Every structure is written in C-alpha cells, then in structure tokens.
N, C-alpha and C. Protein backbone atom coordinates (compact mmCIF):
# COMPACT_ATOMS: atom_id res chain seq x y z
N MET A 1 8.12 -3.84 3.90
CA MET A 1 8.51 -4.94 4.76
C MET A 1 9.82 -4.61 5.45
N ALA A 2 10.02 -5.18 6.58
CA ALA A 2 11.26 -4.93 7.31
C ALA A 2 11.69 -6.17 8.05
N THR A 3 12.95 -6.53 7.95
CA THR A 3 13.45 -7.59 8.80
C THR A 3 13.68 -6.99 10.16
N THR A 4 13.37 -7.74 11.20
CA THR A 4 13.37 -7.17 12.53
C THR A 4 14.18 -8.00 13.50
N ALA A 5 14.74 -7.33 14.49
CA ALA A 5 15.50 -8.01 15.53
C ALA A 5 14.67 -8.19 16.78
N ALA A 6 13.70 -7.32 17.02
CA ALA A 6 12.90 -7.38 18.24
C ALA A 6 11.52 -6.81 17.98
N LEU A 7 10.50 -7.53 18.43
CA LEU A 7 9.12 -7.10 18.24
C LEU A 7 8.41 -7.08 19.58
N THR A 8 7.52 -6.13 19.76
CA THR A 8 6.68 -6.09 20.95
C THR A 8 5.23 -6.07 20.51
N SER A 9 4.36 -6.61 21.36
CA SER A 9 2.94 -6.66 21.04
C SER A 9 2.36 -5.26 20.90
N CYS A 10 1.31 -5.16 20.11
CA CYS A 10 0.58 -3.90 19.95
C CYS A 10 -0.92 -4.21 20.04
N PRO A 11 -1.57 -3.81 21.18
CA PRO A 11 -1.04 -3.03 22.30
C PRO A 11 -0.06 -3.84 23.15
N ALA A 12 0.68 -3.13 23.98
CA ALA A 12 1.79 -3.74 24.71
C ALA A 12 1.35 -4.88 25.62
N ASP A 13 0.11 -4.81 26.15
CA ASP A 13 -0.34 -5.85 27.08
C ASP A 13 -1.05 -7.00 26.38
N ALA A 14 -1.10 -6.98 25.05
CA ALA A 14 -1.73 -8.07 24.31
C ALA A 14 -0.85 -9.31 24.36
N PRO A 15 -1.44 -10.50 24.49
CA PRO A 15 -0.63 -11.71 24.54
C PRO A 15 0.06 -11.98 23.21
N ARG A 16 1.22 -12.58 23.28
CA ARG A 16 1.97 -12.95 22.07
C ARG A 16 1.55 -14.37 21.69
N PRO A 17 0.90 -14.56 20.54
CA PRO A 17 0.45 -15.90 20.15
C PRO A 17 1.60 -16.89 20.05
N GLY A 18 1.31 -18.13 20.35
CA GLY A 18 2.35 -19.15 20.33
C GLY A 18 2.96 -19.39 18.97
N TRP A 19 2.20 -19.11 17.90
CA TRP A 19 2.71 -19.39 16.55
C TRP A 19 3.71 -18.34 16.07
N VAL A 20 3.79 -17.19 16.76
CA VAL A 20 4.62 -16.09 16.28
C VAL A 20 6.09 -16.48 16.20
N ASP A 21 6.62 -17.10 17.26
CA ASP A 21 8.04 -17.46 17.26
C ASP A 21 8.36 -18.45 16.15
N ALA A 22 7.43 -19.39 15.91
CA ALA A 22 7.64 -20.36 14.83
C ALA A 22 7.64 -19.65 13.48
N ALA A 23 6.73 -18.67 13.32
CA ALA A 23 6.67 -17.94 12.06
C ALA A 23 7.93 -17.13 11.83
N LEU A 24 8.44 -16.51 12.89
CA LEU A 24 9.64 -15.70 12.75
C LEU A 24 10.88 -16.55 12.52
N GLY A 25 10.83 -17.81 12.94
CA GLY A 25 11.99 -18.67 12.77
C GLY A 25 11.91 -19.58 11.56
N GLY A 26 10.75 -19.59 10.88
CA GLY A 26 10.57 -20.46 9.73
C GLY A 26 10.89 -19.76 8.43
N PRO A 27 10.39 -20.31 7.29
CA PRO A 27 10.61 -19.66 6.00
C PRO A 27 10.06 -18.24 6.03
N GLY A 28 10.86 -17.31 5.58
CA GLY A 28 10.45 -15.91 5.65
C GLY A 28 10.63 -15.32 7.03
N GLY A 29 11.27 -16.09 7.93
CA GLY A 29 11.43 -15.66 9.31
C GLY A 29 12.22 -14.37 9.44
N GLY A 30 11.84 -13.57 10.42
CA GLY A 30 12.51 -12.31 10.66
C GLY A 30 11.90 -11.15 9.90
N TRP A 31 11.02 -11.46 8.95
CA TRP A 31 10.38 -10.40 8.16
C TRP A 31 9.00 -10.09 8.70
N ALA A 32 8.65 -8.82 8.68
CA ALA A 32 7.32 -8.36 9.05
C ALA A 32 6.84 -7.36 8.01
N VAL A 33 5.54 -7.22 7.91
CA VAL A 33 4.95 -6.28 6.95
C VAL A 33 4.65 -4.97 7.66
N VAL A 34 5.08 -3.87 7.09
CA VAL A 34 4.80 -2.56 7.68
C VAL A 34 3.30 -2.27 7.56
N ARG A 35 2.70 -1.87 8.69
CA ARG A 35 1.27 -1.57 8.72
C ARG A 35 1.04 -0.06 8.69
N ARG A 36 -0.11 0.31 8.14
CA ARG A 36 -0.51 1.72 8.13
C ARG A 36 -1.26 1.99 9.43
N SER A 37 -0.50 2.28 10.48
CA SER A 37 -1.08 2.46 11.81
C SER A 37 -0.20 3.41 12.61
N PRO A 38 -0.79 4.20 13.52
CA PRO A 38 0.01 5.14 14.30
C PRO A 38 1.03 4.43 15.18
N ALA A 39 2.14 5.08 15.43
CA ALA A 39 3.18 4.56 16.33
C ALA A 39 3.91 5.74 16.94
N ASP A 40 4.37 5.56 18.17
CA ASP A 40 5.14 6.62 18.82
C ASP A 40 6.45 6.87 18.08
N ALA A 41 7.04 8.00 18.35
CA ALA A 41 8.31 8.36 17.72
C ALA A 41 9.35 7.27 17.96
N GLY A 42 10.04 6.89 16.89
CA GLY A 42 11.07 5.86 17.00
C GLY A 42 10.56 4.45 16.83
N LEU A 43 9.24 4.29 16.67
CA LEU A 43 8.64 2.97 16.50
C LEU A 43 7.93 2.87 15.15
N VAL A 44 7.82 1.64 14.65
CA VAL A 44 7.12 1.38 13.39
C VAL A 44 6.10 0.28 13.64
N SER A 45 4.88 0.48 13.14
CA SER A 45 3.84 -0.55 13.24
C SER A 45 4.07 -1.61 12.18
N VAL A 46 4.09 -2.87 12.60
CA VAL A 46 4.32 -3.97 11.66
C VAL A 46 3.33 -5.09 11.95
N GLY A 47 3.31 -6.07 11.08
CA GLY A 47 2.49 -7.25 11.27
C GLY A 47 3.26 -8.50 10.89
N VAL A 48 3.12 -9.55 11.70
CA VAL A 48 3.77 -10.83 11.42
C VAL A 48 2.75 -11.76 10.80
N ARG A 49 3.13 -12.43 9.73
CA ARG A 49 2.26 -13.37 9.02
C ARG A 49 2.51 -14.78 9.52
N GLY A 50 1.42 -15.50 9.80
CA GLY A 50 1.53 -16.91 10.10
C GLY A 50 1.31 -17.73 8.84
N ASP A 51 1.09 -19.04 9.01
CA ASP A 51 0.95 -19.90 7.84
C ASP A 51 -0.48 -19.98 7.32
N THR A 52 -1.42 -19.32 7.98
CA THR A 52 -2.79 -19.25 7.50
C THR A 52 -3.29 -17.81 7.61
N ARG A 53 -4.38 -17.52 6.91
CA ARG A 53 -4.87 -16.15 6.86
C ARG A 53 -5.30 -15.61 8.22
N ASP A 54 -5.75 -16.50 9.10
CA ASP A 54 -6.22 -16.03 10.40
C ASP A 54 -5.08 -15.74 11.36
N LYS A 55 -3.86 -16.01 10.96
CA LYS A 55 -2.70 -15.76 11.82
C LYS A 55 -1.99 -14.49 11.37
N ARG A 56 -2.38 -13.40 11.99
CA ARG A 56 -1.78 -12.09 11.75
C ARG A 56 -1.59 -11.43 13.10
N TRP A 57 -0.36 -11.03 13.41
CA TRP A 57 -0.06 -10.47 14.72
C TRP A 57 0.45 -9.04 14.58
N PRO A 58 -0.31 -8.05 15.08
CA PRO A 58 0.17 -6.66 15.04
C PRO A 58 1.23 -6.43 16.10
N ALA A 59 2.26 -5.71 15.74
CA ALA A 59 3.37 -5.49 16.67
C ALA A 59 4.02 -4.15 16.38
N LEU A 60 4.97 -3.81 17.23
CA LEU A 60 5.77 -2.60 17.07
C LEU A 60 7.23 -2.98 17.06
N VAL A 61 8.02 -2.26 16.29
CA VAL A 61 9.46 -2.49 16.26
C VAL A 61 10.15 -1.13 16.29
N ALA A 62 11.24 -1.06 17.01
CA ALA A 62 12.01 0.18 17.03
C ALA A 62 12.68 0.39 15.68
N SER A 63 12.67 1.63 15.22
CA SER A 63 13.31 1.93 13.93
C SER A 63 14.76 1.48 13.92
N SER A 64 15.42 1.58 15.06
CA SER A 64 16.83 1.21 15.15
C SER A 64 17.05 -0.28 15.03
N ASP A 65 15.98 -1.09 15.21
CA ASP A 65 16.11 -2.54 15.10
C ASP A 65 15.81 -3.06 13.70
N ILE A 66 15.39 -2.18 12.80
CA ILE A 66 15.13 -2.59 11.42
C ILE A 66 16.45 -2.68 10.68
N VAL A 67 16.74 -3.86 10.15
CA VAL A 67 18.03 -4.06 9.49
C VAL A 67 17.92 -4.07 7.97
N GLU A 68 16.71 -4.17 7.46
CA GLU A 68 16.51 -4.09 6.01
C GLU A 68 15.07 -3.69 5.73
N LEU A 69 14.89 -2.85 4.74
CA LEU A 69 13.56 -2.38 4.37
C LEU A 69 13.39 -2.52 2.86
N VAL A 70 12.29 -3.13 2.44
CA VAL A 70 11.99 -3.28 1.02
C VAL A 70 10.66 -2.59 0.74
N ARG A 71 10.69 -1.56 -0.07
CA ARG A 71 9.47 -0.87 -0.47
C ARG A 71 8.83 -1.60 -1.66
N PRO A 72 7.54 -1.38 -1.90
CA PRO A 72 6.88 -2.09 -3.00
C PRO A 72 7.62 -2.00 -4.32
N GLN A 73 8.18 -0.82 -4.63
CA GLN A 73 8.88 -0.66 -5.92
C GLN A 73 10.15 -1.50 -5.98
N GLY A 74 10.66 -1.90 -4.82
CA GLY A 74 11.89 -2.68 -4.78
C GLY A 74 11.69 -4.17 -4.66
N VAL A 75 10.43 -4.61 -4.64
CA VAL A 75 10.15 -6.05 -4.53
C VAL A 75 10.60 -6.74 -5.81
N PRO A 76 11.35 -7.84 -5.72
CA PRO A 76 11.76 -8.57 -6.93
C PRO A 76 10.54 -9.02 -7.73
N ARG A 77 10.71 -9.17 -9.01
CA ARG A 77 9.58 -9.56 -9.87
C ARG A 77 9.56 -11.05 -10.18
N SER A 78 10.68 -11.73 -10.00
CA SER A 78 10.78 -13.13 -10.42
C SER A 78 10.68 -14.07 -9.23
N PRO A 79 9.72 -14.99 -9.24
CA PRO A 79 9.61 -15.97 -8.15
C PRO A 79 10.69 -17.03 -8.26
N ARG A 80 10.79 -17.83 -7.22
CA ARG A 80 11.78 -18.91 -7.22
C ARG A 80 11.41 -19.96 -8.26
N PRO A 81 12.40 -20.74 -8.72
CA PRO A 81 12.10 -21.83 -9.66
C PRO A 81 11.03 -22.75 -9.08
N GLY A 82 10.12 -23.16 -9.93
CA GLY A 82 9.05 -24.03 -9.49
C GLY A 82 7.80 -23.27 -9.06
N ARG A 83 7.90 -21.95 -8.91
CA ARG A 83 6.75 -21.15 -8.48
C ARG A 83 6.26 -20.22 -9.60
N ALA A 84 7.06 -20.08 -10.64
CA ALA A 84 6.73 -19.13 -11.70
C ALA A 84 5.46 -19.50 -12.46
N GLY A 85 5.04 -20.77 -12.38
CA GLY A 85 3.86 -21.20 -13.10
C GLY A 85 2.55 -20.91 -12.40
N LEU A 86 2.60 -20.40 -11.17
CA LEU A 86 1.36 -20.03 -10.48
C LEU A 86 0.66 -18.91 -11.24
N ARG A 87 -0.66 -18.99 -11.31
CA ARG A 87 -1.43 -18.02 -12.08
C ARG A 87 -1.14 -16.57 -11.69
N PRO A 88 -1.08 -16.25 -10.39
CA PRO A 88 -0.80 -14.84 -10.07
C PRO A 88 0.58 -14.37 -10.51
N PHE A 89 1.58 -15.25 -10.48
CA PHE A 89 2.91 -14.84 -10.94
C PHE A 89 2.94 -14.68 -12.45
N LEU A 90 2.21 -15.53 -13.16
CA LEU A 90 2.10 -15.36 -14.61
C LEU A 90 1.38 -14.05 -14.93
N GLY A 91 0.31 -13.78 -14.17
CA GLY A 91 -0.42 -12.54 -14.38
C GLY A 91 0.42 -11.32 -14.06
N LEU A 92 1.24 -11.42 -13.01
CA LEU A 92 2.11 -10.31 -12.64
C LEU A 92 3.11 -10.00 -13.75
N LYS A 93 3.63 -11.04 -14.38
CA LYS A 93 4.59 -10.82 -15.46
C LYS A 93 3.93 -10.07 -16.61
N ARG A 94 2.70 -10.46 -16.94
CA ARG A 94 2.00 -9.79 -18.05
C ARG A 94 1.61 -8.36 -17.67
N ALA A 95 1.04 -8.21 -16.48
CA ALA A 95 0.62 -6.88 -16.04
C ALA A 95 1.81 -5.97 -15.83
N GLY A 96 2.92 -6.54 -15.37
CA GLY A 96 4.11 -5.74 -15.10
C GLY A 96 4.63 -5.05 -16.34
N ALA A 97 4.50 -5.70 -17.49
CA ALA A 97 4.95 -5.07 -18.74
C ALA A 97 4.15 -3.80 -19.03
N ILE A 98 2.84 -3.85 -18.75
CA ILE A 98 1.99 -2.67 -18.96
C ILE A 98 2.33 -1.59 -17.94
N LEU A 99 2.49 -2.00 -16.68
CA LEU A 99 2.78 -1.03 -15.62
C LEU A 99 4.14 -0.36 -15.83
N ASP A 100 5.11 -1.12 -16.31
CA ASP A 100 6.43 -0.53 -16.60
C ASP A 100 6.32 0.54 -17.68
N GLU A 101 5.43 0.31 -18.62
CA GLU A 101 5.22 1.28 -19.70
C GLU A 101 4.52 2.54 -19.21
N LEU A 102 3.49 2.35 -18.37
CA LEU A 102 2.65 3.48 -17.96
C LEU A 102 3.15 4.20 -16.72
N PHE A 103 3.75 3.43 -15.79
CA PHE A 103 4.20 4.01 -14.51
C PHE A 103 5.62 3.56 -14.20
N PRO A 104 6.58 3.88 -15.05
CA PRO A 104 7.95 3.40 -14.83
C PRO A 104 8.50 3.86 -13.47
N ASP A 105 9.03 2.89 -12.73
CA ASP A 105 9.64 3.16 -11.42
C ASP A 105 8.65 3.72 -10.41
N ALA A 106 7.35 3.60 -10.67
CA ALA A 106 6.37 4.18 -9.76
C ALA A 106 5.29 3.18 -9.35
N TRP A 107 5.58 1.90 -9.47
CA TRP A 107 4.62 0.90 -9.04
C TRP A 107 5.37 -0.25 -8.38
N GLY A 108 4.64 -1.04 -7.60
CA GLY A 108 5.26 -2.18 -6.95
C GLY A 108 4.22 -3.18 -6.47
N VAL A 109 4.70 -4.32 -6.05
CA VAL A 109 3.85 -5.42 -5.61
C VAL A 109 3.73 -5.39 -4.09
N THR A 110 2.54 -5.72 -3.58
CA THR A 110 2.33 -5.87 -2.15
C THR A 110 1.62 -7.20 -1.90
N GLY A 111 1.15 -7.41 -0.68
CA GLY A 111 0.37 -8.61 -0.38
C GLY A 111 1.19 -9.89 -0.35
N SER A 112 0.49 -11.01 -0.53
CA SER A 112 1.12 -12.32 -0.40
C SER A 112 2.19 -12.56 -1.46
N LEU A 113 1.99 -12.02 -2.67
CA LEU A 113 3.01 -12.19 -3.70
C LEU A 113 4.30 -11.48 -3.31
N ALA A 114 4.17 -10.27 -2.80
CA ALA A 114 5.36 -9.52 -2.39
C ALA A 114 6.08 -10.23 -1.26
N PHE A 115 5.34 -10.75 -0.31
CA PHE A 115 5.98 -11.43 0.82
C PHE A 115 6.79 -12.63 0.33
N GLU A 116 6.23 -13.38 -0.60
CA GLU A 116 6.96 -14.53 -1.14
C GLU A 116 8.17 -14.08 -1.97
N LEU A 117 8.00 -13.07 -2.79
CA LEU A 117 9.09 -12.61 -3.64
C LEU A 117 10.26 -12.07 -2.82
N VAL A 118 9.97 -11.48 -1.68
CA VAL A 118 11.02 -10.93 -0.83
C VAL A 118 11.66 -12.00 0.05
N THR A 119 10.82 -12.83 0.67
CA THR A 119 11.33 -13.74 1.71
C THR A 119 11.59 -15.16 1.22
N GLY A 120 10.91 -15.57 0.15
CA GLY A 120 11.02 -16.95 -0.30
C GLY A 120 10.00 -17.87 0.33
N ALA A 121 9.30 -17.40 1.37
CA ALA A 121 8.23 -18.20 1.97
C ALA A 121 7.09 -18.34 0.98
N GLU A 122 6.53 -19.53 0.84
CA GLU A 122 5.52 -19.79 -0.17
C GLU A 122 4.14 -19.34 0.33
N THR A 123 3.91 -18.04 0.28
CA THR A 123 2.65 -17.48 0.78
C THR A 123 1.62 -17.27 -0.33
N ALA A 124 2.04 -17.26 -1.57
CA ALA A 124 1.10 -17.09 -2.69
C ALA A 124 0.46 -18.42 -3.02
N ARG A 125 -0.81 -18.35 -3.46
CA ARG A 125 -1.52 -19.54 -3.90
C ARG A 125 -1.98 -19.34 -5.34
N ASN A 126 -2.43 -20.41 -5.94
CA ASN A 126 -2.83 -20.31 -7.34
C ASN A 126 -4.04 -19.39 -7.52
N ASP A 127 -4.83 -19.20 -6.44
CA ASP A 127 -5.99 -18.33 -6.53
C ASP A 127 -5.76 -16.98 -5.87
N SER A 128 -4.51 -16.65 -5.56
CA SER A 128 -4.21 -15.36 -4.94
C SER A 128 -4.45 -14.21 -5.91
N ASP A 129 -4.93 -13.09 -5.34
CA ASP A 129 -5.01 -11.87 -6.13
C ASP A 129 -3.62 -11.26 -6.29
N ILE A 130 -3.49 -10.37 -7.26
CA ILE A 130 -2.27 -9.58 -7.41
C ILE A 130 -2.54 -8.21 -6.78
N ASP A 131 -1.75 -7.84 -5.81
CA ASP A 131 -1.90 -6.53 -5.15
C ASP A 131 -0.82 -5.59 -5.67
N ILE A 132 -1.26 -4.48 -6.24
CA ILE A 132 -0.35 -3.51 -6.86
C ILE A 132 -0.56 -2.13 -6.25
N THR A 133 0.53 -1.46 -5.94
CA THR A 133 0.48 -0.07 -5.49
C THR A 133 1.14 0.83 -6.54
N ILE A 134 0.45 1.90 -6.90
CA ILE A 134 0.97 2.89 -7.84
C ILE A 134 1.25 4.18 -7.08
N LEU A 135 2.48 4.64 -7.13
CA LEU A 135 2.84 5.89 -6.46
C LEU A 135 2.39 7.07 -7.31
N ALA A 136 1.64 7.97 -6.69
CA ALA A 136 1.12 9.13 -7.42
C ALA A 136 1.24 10.38 -6.55
N PRO A 137 2.42 10.99 -6.51
CA PRO A 137 2.57 12.21 -5.71
C PRO A 137 1.72 13.36 -6.22
N GLN A 138 1.38 13.32 -7.51
CA GLN A 138 0.51 14.34 -8.11
C GLN A 138 -0.78 13.67 -8.59
N PRO A 139 -1.90 14.41 -8.64
CA PRO A 139 -3.17 13.83 -9.08
C PRO A 139 -3.06 13.18 -10.46
N LEU A 140 -3.73 12.04 -10.59
CA LEU A 140 -3.77 11.34 -11.87
C LEU A 140 -4.91 11.89 -12.72
N ASP A 141 -4.77 11.72 -14.02
CA ASP A 141 -5.86 12.01 -14.93
C ASP A 141 -6.82 10.82 -14.87
N ARG A 142 -8.09 11.09 -14.57
CA ARG A 142 -9.03 10.00 -14.31
C ARG A 142 -9.25 9.13 -15.54
N ARG A 143 -9.39 9.72 -16.70
CA ARG A 143 -9.62 8.94 -17.92
C ARG A 143 -8.40 8.08 -18.25
N ALA A 144 -7.21 8.67 -18.13
CA ALA A 144 -5.99 7.91 -18.39
C ALA A 144 -5.83 6.78 -17.38
N ALA A 145 -6.20 7.04 -16.12
CA ALA A 145 -6.11 6.00 -15.10
C ALA A 145 -7.08 4.86 -15.38
N ALA A 146 -8.27 5.20 -15.85
CA ALA A 146 -9.25 4.17 -16.18
C ALA A 146 -8.76 3.30 -17.33
N ASP A 147 -8.17 3.93 -18.34
CA ASP A 147 -7.61 3.17 -19.47
C ASP A 147 -6.47 2.28 -19.00
N ALA A 148 -5.63 2.80 -18.11
CA ALA A 148 -4.51 2.03 -17.59
C ALA A 148 -5.00 0.82 -16.81
N ALA A 149 -6.00 1.03 -15.96
CA ALA A 149 -6.55 -0.07 -15.16
C ALA A 149 -7.12 -1.15 -16.06
N ALA A 150 -7.83 -0.75 -17.10
CA ALA A 150 -8.42 -1.72 -18.02
C ALA A 150 -7.34 -2.55 -18.71
N ARG A 151 -6.26 -1.91 -19.11
CA ARG A 151 -5.16 -2.63 -19.77
C ARG A 151 -4.49 -3.61 -18.81
N VAL A 152 -4.27 -3.17 -17.58
CA VAL A 152 -3.62 -4.04 -16.59
C VAL A 152 -4.49 -5.25 -16.28
N LEU A 153 -5.77 -5.02 -16.04
CA LEU A 153 -6.67 -6.12 -15.71
C LEU A 153 -6.79 -7.10 -16.86
N SER A 154 -6.84 -6.59 -18.08
CA SER A 154 -6.94 -7.46 -19.25
C SER A 154 -5.67 -8.29 -19.41
N ALA A 155 -4.52 -7.68 -19.21
CA ALA A 155 -3.26 -8.39 -19.38
C ALA A 155 -3.06 -9.44 -18.30
N ALA A 156 -3.43 -9.12 -17.07
CA ALA A 156 -3.19 -10.04 -15.96
C ALA A 156 -4.04 -11.29 -16.07
N ALA A 157 -5.29 -11.13 -16.48
CA ALA A 157 -6.23 -12.25 -16.61
C ALA A 157 -6.46 -12.97 -15.29
N VAL A 158 -6.13 -12.34 -14.18
CA VAL A 158 -6.44 -12.82 -12.83
C VAL A 158 -6.84 -11.58 -12.02
N PRO A 159 -7.51 -11.76 -10.88
CA PRO A 159 -7.92 -10.59 -10.10
C PRO A 159 -6.73 -9.73 -9.67
N VAL A 160 -6.88 -8.43 -9.86
CA VAL A 160 -5.84 -7.47 -9.50
C VAL A 160 -6.46 -6.38 -8.62
N ASP A 161 -5.82 -6.11 -7.50
CA ASP A 161 -6.24 -5.01 -6.62
C ASP A 161 -5.26 -3.87 -6.82
N LEU A 162 -5.71 -2.81 -7.48
CA LEU A 162 -4.87 -1.66 -7.77
C LEU A 162 -5.12 -0.56 -6.74
N GLN A 163 -4.07 -0.17 -6.04
CA GLN A 163 -4.14 0.91 -5.06
C GLN A 163 -3.28 2.08 -5.55
N VAL A 164 -3.74 3.28 -5.27
CA VAL A 164 -2.96 4.47 -5.58
C VAL A 164 -2.47 5.07 -4.27
N GLU A 165 -1.17 5.26 -4.16
CA GLU A 165 -0.56 5.83 -2.97
C GLU A 165 -0.31 7.31 -3.22
N THR A 166 -1.05 8.16 -2.52
CA THR A 166 -0.86 9.61 -2.60
C THR A 166 -0.03 10.05 -1.40
N PRO A 167 0.37 11.31 -1.33
CA PRO A 167 1.11 11.76 -0.16
C PRO A 167 0.32 11.65 1.14
N LEU A 168 -1.01 11.46 1.03
CA LEU A 168 -1.86 11.44 2.22
C LEU A 168 -2.31 10.05 2.63
N GLY A 169 -2.18 9.07 1.74
CA GLY A 169 -2.63 7.73 2.04
C GLY A 169 -2.87 6.94 0.77
N ALA A 170 -3.67 5.88 0.89
CA ALA A 170 -3.92 5.00 -0.25
C ALA A 170 -5.41 4.91 -0.54
N VAL A 171 -5.74 4.81 -1.82
CA VAL A 171 -7.13 4.71 -2.24
C VAL A 171 -7.23 3.64 -3.32
N ALA A 172 -8.35 2.92 -3.33
CA ALA A 172 -8.57 1.91 -4.36
C ALA A 172 -8.80 2.62 -5.69
N LEU A 173 -8.03 2.24 -6.70
CA LEU A 173 -8.11 2.93 -7.99
C LEU A 173 -9.49 2.79 -8.60
N ASP A 174 -10.09 1.60 -8.52
CA ASP A 174 -11.40 1.42 -9.14
C ASP A 174 -12.47 2.29 -8.47
N GLU A 175 -12.37 2.46 -7.14
CA GLU A 175 -13.34 3.31 -6.44
C GLU A 175 -13.18 4.77 -6.86
N TRP A 176 -11.93 5.23 -6.94
CA TRP A 176 -11.68 6.61 -7.32
C TRP A 176 -12.17 6.88 -8.74
N ILE A 177 -11.96 5.93 -9.64
CA ILE A 177 -12.44 6.08 -11.02
C ILE A 177 -13.97 6.10 -11.05
N ARG A 178 -14.57 5.16 -10.33
CA ARG A 178 -16.03 5.01 -10.37
C ARG A 178 -16.77 6.24 -9.81
N GLU A 179 -16.27 6.78 -8.71
CA GLU A 179 -16.98 7.90 -8.07
C GLU A 179 -16.77 9.22 -8.80
N ALA A 180 -15.73 9.30 -9.62
CA ALA A 180 -15.52 10.45 -10.53
C ALA A 180 -15.53 11.80 -9.83
N GLY A 181 -15.13 11.83 -8.56
CA GLY A 181 -15.09 13.10 -7.84
C GLY A 181 -16.44 13.60 -7.38
N LEU A 182 -17.50 12.81 -7.63
CA LEU A 182 -18.85 13.23 -7.25
C LEU A 182 -19.22 12.78 -5.84
N HIS A 183 -18.60 11.70 -5.40
CA HIS A 183 -18.88 11.15 -4.07
C HIS A 183 -17.55 10.86 -3.37
N PRO A 184 -17.52 10.90 -2.04
CA PRO A 184 -16.28 10.64 -1.31
C PRO A 184 -15.79 9.21 -1.53
N VAL A 185 -14.50 9.04 -1.44
CA VAL A 185 -13.88 7.71 -1.49
C VAL A 185 -13.11 7.50 -0.20
N ALA A 186 -12.84 6.24 0.11
CA ALA A 186 -12.13 5.90 1.35
C ALA A 186 -10.63 6.04 1.14
N LEU A 187 -10.03 6.93 1.88
CA LEU A 187 -8.58 7.13 1.84
C LEU A 187 -8.01 6.51 3.11
N ARG A 188 -7.16 5.51 2.96
CA ARG A 188 -6.54 4.86 4.11
C ARG A 188 -5.30 5.65 4.52
N THR A 189 -5.37 6.24 5.71
CA THR A 189 -4.26 7.04 6.22
C THR A 189 -3.67 6.37 7.45
N ILE A 190 -2.56 6.89 7.93
CA ILE A 190 -1.92 6.32 9.11
C ILE A 190 -2.80 6.46 10.34
N ASP A 191 -3.75 7.40 10.31
CA ASP A 191 -4.67 7.61 11.44
C ASP A 191 -6.02 6.95 11.22
N GLY A 192 -6.11 6.08 10.23
CA GLY A 192 -7.37 5.40 9.95
C GLY A 192 -7.99 5.91 8.66
N PRO A 193 -9.08 5.26 8.21
CA PRO A 193 -9.71 5.66 6.95
C PRO A 193 -10.45 6.98 7.08
N ARG A 194 -10.43 7.74 5.98
CA ARG A 194 -11.16 9.00 5.90
C ARG A 194 -11.90 9.06 4.58
N LEU A 195 -13.08 9.65 4.60
CA LEU A 195 -13.83 9.86 3.36
C LEU A 195 -13.45 11.22 2.78
N VAL A 196 -12.95 11.20 1.56
CA VAL A 196 -12.50 12.44 0.92
C VAL A 196 -13.00 12.47 -0.52
N LEU A 197 -13.18 13.66 -1.02
CA LEU A 197 -13.53 13.81 -2.43
C LEU A 197 -12.29 13.72 -3.31
N ASN A 198 -11.18 14.16 -2.78
CA ASN A 198 -9.92 14.19 -3.53
C ASN A 198 -8.83 13.51 -2.70
N PRO A 199 -8.32 12.35 -3.13
CA PRO A 199 -7.29 11.64 -2.35
C PRO A 199 -5.99 12.41 -2.19
N TRP A 200 -5.84 13.49 -2.93
CA TRP A 200 -4.65 14.33 -2.81
C TRP A 200 -4.92 15.54 -1.91
N SER A 201 -6.11 15.54 -1.30
CA SER A 201 -6.49 16.61 -0.38
C SER A 201 -7.41 16.01 0.68
N LEU A 202 -7.36 16.53 1.90
CA LEU A 202 -8.20 16.00 2.97
C LEU A 202 -9.55 16.68 3.04
N SER A 203 -9.98 17.31 1.95
CA SER A 203 -11.32 17.88 1.93
C SER A 203 -12.35 16.76 1.93
N CYS A 204 -13.43 16.96 2.64
CA CYS A 204 -14.47 15.92 2.72
C CYS A 204 -15.82 16.55 2.40
N ARG A 205 -16.84 15.71 2.36
CA ARG A 205 -18.17 16.22 2.04
C ARG A 205 -18.67 17.09 3.18
C-alpha cells in the first residue's frame, strides 16, 4: 500500500469515477493498494478502494509522489478497539501465532484486513476471508508447506487465502500443493498470469 499525493487514471484516457475523490478524502483516504500490473519507469500501478466491492479504480502514481509504503510484513496485527471481535481478526490472531512459528518475518496480511489495519477504514466484515502472503525467495518443501497450511487453516477457523510470493510472482499455496509439480499452476506476475510447473522458474509445459 502507498499513501499518494497524485493519481492518474489507468489507462490515461479512462474517466475518473465520481466516488474516487470521496474515497481518497474519507476514512483511509490517501491510501491506495499497489497492483501487480506493468507501469512505465518512475510509475507504480495502484488501485483505489471505494466503500463497496464494485468500486475499484486502477490508477498510476509517480514513485516520487509516494510518501509512505507498507509491505505485507509490516502491516499491524492489532485492529482498533471495537473491531478485534470480528471473526477474521480473531482468526488472524490464532493463525498468526502459527505463521510466526513457521515463517518468522516472512509473512504478512493483505486484502481488506490489511487495508483496515493500515488505514483504520472499516473495510473488513465478519465474513471476510483472511488473505496471507508468505515470502519464499527459495523453493518450499511441498510436504512441509502442506502441513503448515493445514495448521494455519485449522487455527484460523475461518477461510484463509494463502499466497506464496516467489521472486517471479505469486501462486496460490493450495494449488501448488495440489498439483504436486505434475501440472502447471497459475503464477501471477507483473506481466499477467503464466502457467508454470515451478513458481520459482518460468518453465512451462
């Protein structure tokens, strides 16, 4: 996520929705979510969140206009008073203890929970999933990863979307475990999704 001083539409000739200015000026205002999308040198692809799921605005921001950046590993873990009782936040607390044990300093929160934890805007709901990213610069052991996923899901007791971030992009942990290297999995890269046998390599079928 990045707080921004100036945003432009992406593509440049796309209209700017009327709700965008209100979103940028309201709770969580000034913050945008970094998108996995190509951008020219000196620019970063971002997205502005509105107050409903259908309100998402893709935009570009100059790197020089970013005044603060929070990576998933740096997202605070504790919600504001009065919000800690939401099921996903309770699940995050339980799952976080397991993740801290298995992936110390190498995991973080994304999605609606992260946006609320960073900005204070109440974007999480009682039925929200928990979105987790695990940093894995080196290939994971598949059996150990499967055991880790089972422990996290059991502890959270709410839906959890586990993503693995490799140097090349992100892959759904459950898909990578399920396919066992026998079939390609979808690797989300900055240039779009690619089917690969190994998320740590761009080899394909």
